[in-house]
Structure formats: C-alpha cells, structure tokens
C-alpha cells in the first residue's frame, strides 16, 4: 500500500486546525475501570509493558490483558529493545533488566506483532507535527519523536479495530480528540499524578 499525501491532507486538514489542545476532565475519558472484562481487542502501548514489568499496573489492566485479545506494535518493540543499546552494561542491574525485556519480547506472538504500513507512516508524520503544534510543548525536549511513536500506535490500533490500552493519558487524550474514530482505554498507576 502506498501513501497519498494529498488524500492525507484532505482528511486530516492540518491547516484548518488552530488553537491549543487541552486535556479533558477525567470524567470525560474512557478508563479501564469502566471496561467490561470481555470485549474488543487491545493494542498495547509501551507504557503497558513497562508498568506490568515493574509491578505498577492496576488490577483492571491485568484482568484485561488476561481476557482480551492483545495486539502488539513494532513501534513498542523498538522502544523496548532500545534499552539493549542504551543501558550501561557495567551497571549492576543491567543484566537482569535486559533478561526481563528479552523474555517479554520473546513472549510476543509473531502473528500479533504489527508494523505500520507506508500509509500509516505518512499520516503519522502529519499528525505528530500537528499534535506537537497544538500541544504548545517546548521544542527540543523530545516530544516530537515521542508523539510520532504515539501516533503510529494509535493509527495501527485504529486500522485493526482495536483500542489502545495506555497509561499515557495526556498524549492519547489529545490524539482521540483529533481523531475521534480511534479508541483508547486509559489507566493510571498508583505513582502517576492526576494531571497525566
């Protein structure tokens, strides 16, 4: 599948979007606590892997992971395996951390691991730039790269008809405001601040 920039710009209309995105009130967001145990497929954000591995995931997240069909993104795979190059091999905890990540990566069923196609990459470039512009976050702080990964995951989930399960409340709230046809399920760890 190719990428049609003109079609992407017609559908996203970045030039018509002005102002600043604001995070919605908690009562207006789709929370994991409100989700039935049995339901549609999930597409996991990297925050899910990290929170589960660190024992910070709420019980409701663990329940959904047990009973729902879970899909995985090559974007998250990249974010997880980044640690193999980034962590200092001389640090005392590095070996154990990398072994845990390796076991997690090896546990992902190949038939449920999805890479973004060309059309999604092209759309994600436009949307991540728009998200950055409308969020009013400072330049040079890494937000643009992070937004690109978030948009890729969001668009992949939408393409599969799955809901993104994520603890990244602000960014995925912004995305679901921009593209209301994408579905998200949010959660908060006990260590997260209410503004996230």
Protein backbone atom coordinates (compact mmCIF):
# COMPACT_ATOMS: atom_id res chain seq x y z
CA UNK A 1 0.00 0.00 0.00
CA UNK A 2 1.33 3.42 -0.95
CA UNK A 3 0.88 6.84 0.55
CA UNK A 4 -1.22 9.62 -0.95
CA UNK A 5 -0.16 12.91 0.68
CA UNK A 6 -3.00 14.87 -0.93
CA UNK A 7 -5.56 12.43 0.50
CA UNK A 8 -3.94 12.54 3.95
CA UNK A 9 -4.00 16.35 3.97
CA UNK A 10 -7.66 16.36 2.82
CA UNK A 11 -8.66 14.02 5.62
CA UNK A 12 -6.52 15.49 8.43
CA UNK A 13 -6.80 19.17 7.38
CA UNK A 14 -3.80 20.35 9.43
CA UNK A 15 -4.02 23.88 8.01
CA UNK A 16 -7.54 24.31 9.44
CA UNK A 17 -6.66 23.28 12.98
CA UNK A 18 -5.77 26.15 15.27
CA UNK A 19 -5.60 26.80 18.99
CA UNK A 20 -4.29 24.60 21.75
CA UNK A 21 -5.34 21.12 22.79
CA UNK A 22 -6.42 20.83 26.42
CA UNK A 23 -6.61 17.61 28.38
CA UNK A 24 -10.21 16.69 29.07
CA UNK A 25 -11.55 16.14 32.58
CA UNK A 26 -11.15 12.62 33.95
CA UNK A 27 -14.94 12.12 33.88
CA UNK A 28 -14.89 12.62 30.09
CA UNK A 29 -12.23 9.97 29.43
CA UNK A 30 -12.53 6.20 28.84
CA UNK A 31 -10.97 4.48 31.88
CA UNK A 32 -10.03 0.84 32.33
CA UNK A 33 -12.30 0.67 35.41
CA UNK A 34 -15.32 1.18 33.12
CA UNK A 35 -14.34 -1.56 30.66
CA UNK A 36 -16.04 -4.96 30.65
CA UNK A 37 -13.66 -7.87 31.11
CA UNK A 38 -14.75 -9.45 27.84
CA UNK A 39 -14.68 -7.12 24.85
CA UNK A 40 -12.84 -5.98 21.76
CA UNK A 41 -9.15 -6.42 21.01
CA UNK A 42 -6.44 -4.33 22.65
CA UNK A 43 -3.37 -2.72 21.12
CA UNK A 44 -0.74 -2.24 23.80
CA UNK A 45 1.20 0.98 24.27
CA UNK A 46 4.76 0.72 25.61
CA UNK A 47 3.57 2.06 28.97
CA UNK A 48 1.65 -1.20 29.50
CA UNK A 49 4.76 -3.38 29.14
CA UNK A 50 6.77 -1.14 31.46
CA UNK A 51 4.07 -0.89 34.11
CA UNK A 52 3.40 -4.64 34.10
CA UNK A 53 7.13 -5.46 34.29
CA UNK A 54 7.60 -3.02 37.18
CA UNK A 55 4.53 -4.27 39.05
CA UNK A 56 2.71 -0.93 38.73
CA UNK A 57 -0.20 -1.98 36.54
CA UNK A 58 -3.63 -1.75 38.17
CA UNK A 59 -5.57 -5.00 38.67
CA UNK A 60 -8.09 -3.92 36.00
CA UNK A 61 -5.28 -3.72 33.41
CA UNK A 62 -4.01 -7.16 34.40
CA UNK A 63 -7.54 -8.55 34.03
CA UNK A 64 -7.98 -7.10 30.53
CA UNK A 65 -4.59 -8.47 29.50
CA UNK A 66 -5.72 -11.90 30.65
CA UNK A 67 -9.11 -11.99 28.92
CA UNK A 68 -8.79 -9.78 25.83
CA UNK A 69 -7.03 -10.45 22.54
CA UNK A 70 -3.83 -8.37 22.61
CA UNK A 71 -2.02 -6.99 19.57
CA UNK A 72 1.49 -5.56 19.64
CA UNK A 73 3.26 -2.86 17.66
CA UNK A 74 6.72 -2.95 16.13
CA UNK A 75 6.95 0.63 17.47
CA UNK A 76 6.75 -0.70 21.04
CA UNK A 77 9.21 -3.44 20.14
CA UNK A 78 11.66 -0.71 19.13
CA UNK A 79 11.03 1.28 22.31
CA UNK A 80 11.64 -1.81 24.44
CA UNK A 81 14.75 -3.02 22.61
CA UNK A 82 16.22 0.49 22.74
CA UNK A 83 17.38 -0.47 26.25
CA UNK A 84 19.82 -3.05 24.84
CA UNK A 85 21.88 -0.23 23.36
CA UNK A 86 21.18 2.46 25.92
CA UNK A 87 21.79 0.73 29.27
CA UNK A 88 25.32 0.64 30.65
CA UNK A 89 26.49 -3.00 30.52
CA UNK A 90 28.68 -2.37 33.58
CA UNK A 91 25.75 -1.30 35.78
CA UNK A 92 24.77 -3.95 38.34
CA UNK A 93 21.09 -4.16 37.35
CA UNK A 94 21.51 -4.05 33.57
CA UNK A 95 21.78 -7.81 33.03
CA UNK A 96 18.57 -8.56 34.94
CA UNK A 97 16.65 -5.74 33.23
CA UNK A 98 17.73 -6.89 29.77
CA UNK A 99 16.85 -10.51 30.56
CA UNK A 100 13.35 -9.40 31.58
CA UNK A 101 12.92 -7.33 28.41
CA UNK A 102 14.20 -10.20 26.29
CA UNK A 103 11.70 -12.61 27.86
CA UNK A 104 8.90 -10.10 27.23
CA UNK A 105 9.88 -9.60 23.58
CA UNK A 106 10.20 -13.37 23.07
CA UNK A 107 6.70 -13.80 24.53
CA UNK A 108 5.03 -11.66 21.84
CA UNK A 109 3.27 -13.94 19.33
CA UNK A 110 4.64 -13.23 15.85
CA UNK A 111 1.16 -13.28 14.29
CA UNK A 112 0.04 -10.49 16.66
CA UNK A 113 3.04 -8.20 16.06
CA UNK A 114 2.22 -5.47 13.53
CA UNK A 115 4.45 -2.99 11.71
CA UNK A 116 3.00 0.31 10.45
CA UNK A 117 2.48 0.37 6.70
CA UNK A 118 3.54 3.20 4.40
CA UNK A 119 0.18 4.99 4.61
CA UNK A 120 0.27 4.99 8.42
CA UNK A 121 3.84 6.31 8.44
CA UNK A 122 2.86 9.16 6.14
CA UNK A 123 -0.27 10.07 8.12
CA UNK A 124 1.67 9.79 11.38
CA UNK A 125 4.17 12.39 10.20
CA UNK A 126 1.41 14.92 9.55
CA UNK A 127 -0.49 14.11 12.74
CA UNK A 128 2.54 14.13 15.03
CA UNK A 129 3.58 17.54 13.69
CA UNK A 130 0.04 18.81 14.21
CA UNK A 131 -0.11 17.31 17.70
CA UNK A 132 3.16 19.00 18.60
CA UNK A 133 1.99 22.37 17.27
CA UNK A 134 -1.38 22.20 19.06
CA UNK A 135 0.07 20.98 22.36
CA UNK A 136 2.29 24.05 22.90
CA UNK A 137 5.08 21.95 24.40
CA UNK A 138 8.69 23.22 24.29
CA UNK A 139 10.83 22.43 21.26
CA UNK A 140 13.91 20.28 21.64
CA UNK A 141 12.62 18.30 24.64
CA UNK A 142 11.97 15.04 22.72
CA UNK A 143 8.20 15.47 22.45
CA UNK A 144 8.14 15.32 18.65
CA UNK A 145 9.76 11.86 18.48
CA UNK A 146 7.55 10.58 21.28
CA UNK A 147 4.46 11.96 19.54
CA UNK A 148 5.43 10.19 16.32
CA UNK A 149 5.59 6.85 18.14
CA UNK A 150 2.26 7.52 19.90
CA UNK A 151 0.55 8.43 16.62
CA UNK A 152 1.90 5.30 14.91
CA UNK A 153 0.49 3.13 17.70
CA UNK A 154 -2.83 4.99 17.67
CA UNK A 155 -3.24 4.67 13.89
CA UNK A 156 -2.25 0.99 13.90
CA UNK A 157 -4.87 0.25 16.56
CA UNK A 158 -7.48 2.16 14.55
CA UNK A 159 -6.58 0.19 11.42
CA UNK A 160 -7.03 -3.09 13.33
CA UNK A 161 -10.27 -2.00 15.04
CA UNK A 162 -8.61 -2.29 18.45
CA UNK A 163 -8.47 0.04 21.46
CA UNK A 164 -5.10 1.39 22.59
CA UNK A 165 -4.51 0.42 26.21
CA UNK A 166 -2.22 3.06 27.71
CA UNK A 167 -1.12 4.88 30.84
CA UNK A 168 -0.09 7.86 28.67
CA UNK A 169 -3.22 9.84 29.42
CA UNK A 170 -2.45 13.29 28.02
CA UNK A 171 -1.00 12.30 24.66
CA UNK A 172 -3.65 9.72 23.83
CA UNK A 173 -6.42 12.04 25.03
CA UNK A 174 -5.10 14.63 22.56
CA UNK A 175 -4.99 12.03 19.79
CA UNK A 176 -8.54 10.85 20.44
CA UNK A 177 -9.72 14.47 20.33
CA UNK A 178 -8.03 14.93 16.95
CA UNK A 179 -9.26 11.60 15.55
CA UNK A 180 -12.44 10.60 17.41
CA UNK A 181 -12.72 7.34 15.43
CA UNK A 182 -9.69 5.95 17.29
CA UNK A 183 -10.45 4.17 20.57
CA UNK A 184 -8.41 4.37 23.76
CA UNK A 185 -8.61 2.80 27.22
CA UNK A 186 -6.70 4.75 29.85
CA UNK A 187 -5.36 3.78 33.23
CA UNK A 188 -3.38 5.44 35.95
CA UNK A 189 -0.76 3.74 38.11
CA UNK A 190 -0.65 4.46 41.81
CA UNK A 191 2.51 6.53 41.21
CA UNK A 192 1.02 8.70 38.41
CA UNK A 193 -0.09 12.26 39.05
CA UNK A 194 -3.76 13.16 38.34
CA UNK A 195 -2.72 15.64 35.62
CA UNK A 196 -1.11 12.92 33.46
